[in-house]
């Protein structure tokens, strides 16, 4: 099953996915993976109504748009980042990009002693 999954975790996910929401309530479950084939092998994919393949972010303008909407960096930091990336070829998954930005935000908070949000 791979290093990241064990049988009890998969069984727990299957049980939770199969549960009906409380009466008069709606439930939306969003699952993300970089390994869709594994979702099929584990029998998880069949419990989702739709799948959407999100392509890699492959241009600096698209990357900057995503980063800007996360509100992680100041305008000055955004300009510096834009300058650093101007000549770079990018190809990154959106989840990885968001994770990197959030890690950078946490790092900045620690550096300033928690004063920057």
Protein backbone atom coordinates (compact mmCIF):
# COMPACT_ATOMS: atom_id res chain seq x y z
CA UNK A 1 0.00 0.00 0.00
CA UNK A 2 2.92 2.30 0.15
CA UNK A 3 4.81 3.89 2.99
CA UNK A 4 2.22 6.60 3.68
CA UNK A 5 -0.81 4.35 4.18
CA UNK A 6 -1.62 1.51 6.50
CA UNK A 7 -4.62 -0.81 6.48
CA UNK A 8 -6.37 0.75 9.48
CA UNK A 9 -6.08 4.26 7.98
CA UNK A 10 -7.56 3.13 4.67
CA UNK A 11 -10.38 1.31 6.48
CA UNK A 12 -11.11 4.41 8.55
CA UNK A 13 -11.23 6.58 5.41
CA UNK A 14 -13.56 4.11 3.69
CA UNK A 15 -15.89 4.05 6.71
CA UNK A 16 -16.02 7.85 6.97
CA UNK A 17 -16.55 8.34 3.24
CA UNK A 18 -19.45 5.87 3.21
CA UNK A 19 -21.25 7.53 6.14
CA UNK A 20 -24.28 9.60 5.28
CA UNK A 21 -24.33 13.17 6.58
CA UNK A 22 -26.76 14.11 9.37
CA UNK A 23 -30.39 14.55 8.33
CA UNK A 24 -31.04 17.81 6.41
CA UNK A 25 -27.30 18.41 6.06
CA UNK A 26 -25.09 18.22 3.02
CA UNK A 27 -21.56 16.94 2.95
CA UNK A 28 -18.76 17.70 0.53
CA UNK A 29 -15.57 15.67 0.69
CA UNK A 30 -12.56 16.84 -1.26
CA UNK A 31 -9.66 14.45 -1.60
CA UNK A 32 -6.33 15.41 -3.10
CA UNK A 33 -3.55 13.16 -4.27
CA UNK A 34 -0.51 13.17 -6.45
CA UNK A 35 -1.03 9.45 -7.01
CA UNK A 36 -4.50 8.87 -8.50
CA UNK A 37 -3.63 5.29 -9.38
CA UNK A 38 -3.13 4.53 -5.69
CA UNK A 39 -6.63 5.91 -4.96
CA UNK A 40 -7.98 3.39 -7.47
CA UNK A 41 -5.93 0.52 -6.05
CA UNK A 42 -7.16 1.29 -2.53
CA UNK A 43 -10.78 1.42 -3.70
CA UNK A 44 -11.20 5.04 -2.65
CA UNK A 45 -11.75 6.59 -6.07
CA UNK A 46 -15.11 4.86 -6.59
CA UNK A 47 -16.57 6.80 -3.64
CA UNK A 48 -16.07 10.18 -5.30
CA UNK A 49 -18.54 11.49 -7.89
CA UNK A 50 -16.04 13.64 -9.76
CA UNK A 51 -12.34 13.80 -10.33
CA UNK A 52 -10.50 16.85 -11.52
CA UNK A 53 -6.93 16.80 -12.73
CA UNK A 54 -5.19 20.04 -11.88
CA UNK A 55 -2.18 20.73 -14.10
CA UNK A 56 1.14 21.93 -12.76
CA UNK A 57 1.61 25.67 -12.39
CA UNK A 58 3.99 26.34 -15.27
CA UNK A 59 4.25 30.08 -15.62
CA UNK A 60 5.57 32.77 -13.31
CA UNK A 61 2.47 34.99 -13.76
CA UNK A 62 0.19 32.10 -12.73
CA UNK A 63 2.43 31.29 -9.79
CA UNK A 64 2.50 34.90 -8.67
CA UNK A 65 -1.29 35.13 -8.93
CA UNK A 66 -1.65 32.13 -6.63
CA UNK A 67 0.95 33.39 -4.16
CA UNK A 68 -0.65 36.85 -4.14
CA UNK A 69 -4.07 35.39 -3.33
CA UNK A 70 -2.61 33.54 -0.35
CA UNK A 71 -1.77 36.90 1.29
CA UNK A 72 1.45 35.52 2.74
CA UNK A 73 3.96 38.13 1.61
CA UNK A 74 4.12 41.92 1.71
CA UNK A 75 4.11 43.93 -1.52
CA UNK A 76 7.89 44.41 -1.26
CA UNK A 77 8.42 40.69 -0.79
CA UNK A 78 6.13 39.97 -3.74
CA UNK A 79 8.14 42.34 -5.96
CA UNK A 80 11.40 40.72 -4.86
CA UNK A 81 9.95 37.27 -5.56
CA UNK A 82 8.70 38.40 -8.97
CA UNK A 83 12.20 39.65 -9.80
CA UNK A 84 13.87 36.44 -8.64
CA UNK A 85 11.49 34.30 -10.70
CA UNK A 86 11.49 36.39 -13.87
CA UNK A 87 14.01 34.19 -15.68
CA UNK A 88 13.05 30.86 -14.09
CA UNK A 89 11.14 27.99 -15.67
CA UNK A 90 8.58 26.74 -13.19
CA UNK A 91 6.60 23.52 -12.95
CA UNK A 92 5.10 22.93 -9.52
CA UNK A 93 1.91 21.39 -8.19
CA UNK A 94 -0.50 23.84 -6.63
CA UNK A 95 -0.58 21.96 -3.31
CA UNK A 96 3.22 22.02 -3.12
CA UNK A 97 3.23 25.76 -3.93
CA UNK A 98 0.68 26.46 -1.19
CA UNK A 99 2.64 24.30 1.29
CA UNK A 100 5.86 26.18 0.48
CA UNK A 101 4.15 29.54 0.98
CA UNK A 102 2.64 28.48 4.28
CA UNK A 103 6.01 27.17 5.49
CA UNK A 104 7.59 30.50 4.50
CA UNK A 105 4.88 32.34 6.42
CA UNK A 106 5.53 30.25 9.54
CA UNK A 107 9.25 30.87 9.18
CA UNK A 108 8.66 34.63 8.94
CA UNK A 109 6.43 34.57 12.01
CA UNK A 110 9.11 32.76 14.00
CA UNK A 111 11.84 35.16 12.81
CA UNK A 112 9.90 38.21 13.94
CA UNK A 113 8.93 36.62 17.22
CA UNK A 114 5.30 36.06 16.33
CA UNK A 115 4.49 39.69 15.62
CA UNK A 116 3.86 39.29 11.90
CA UNK A 117 0.63 37.71 10.73
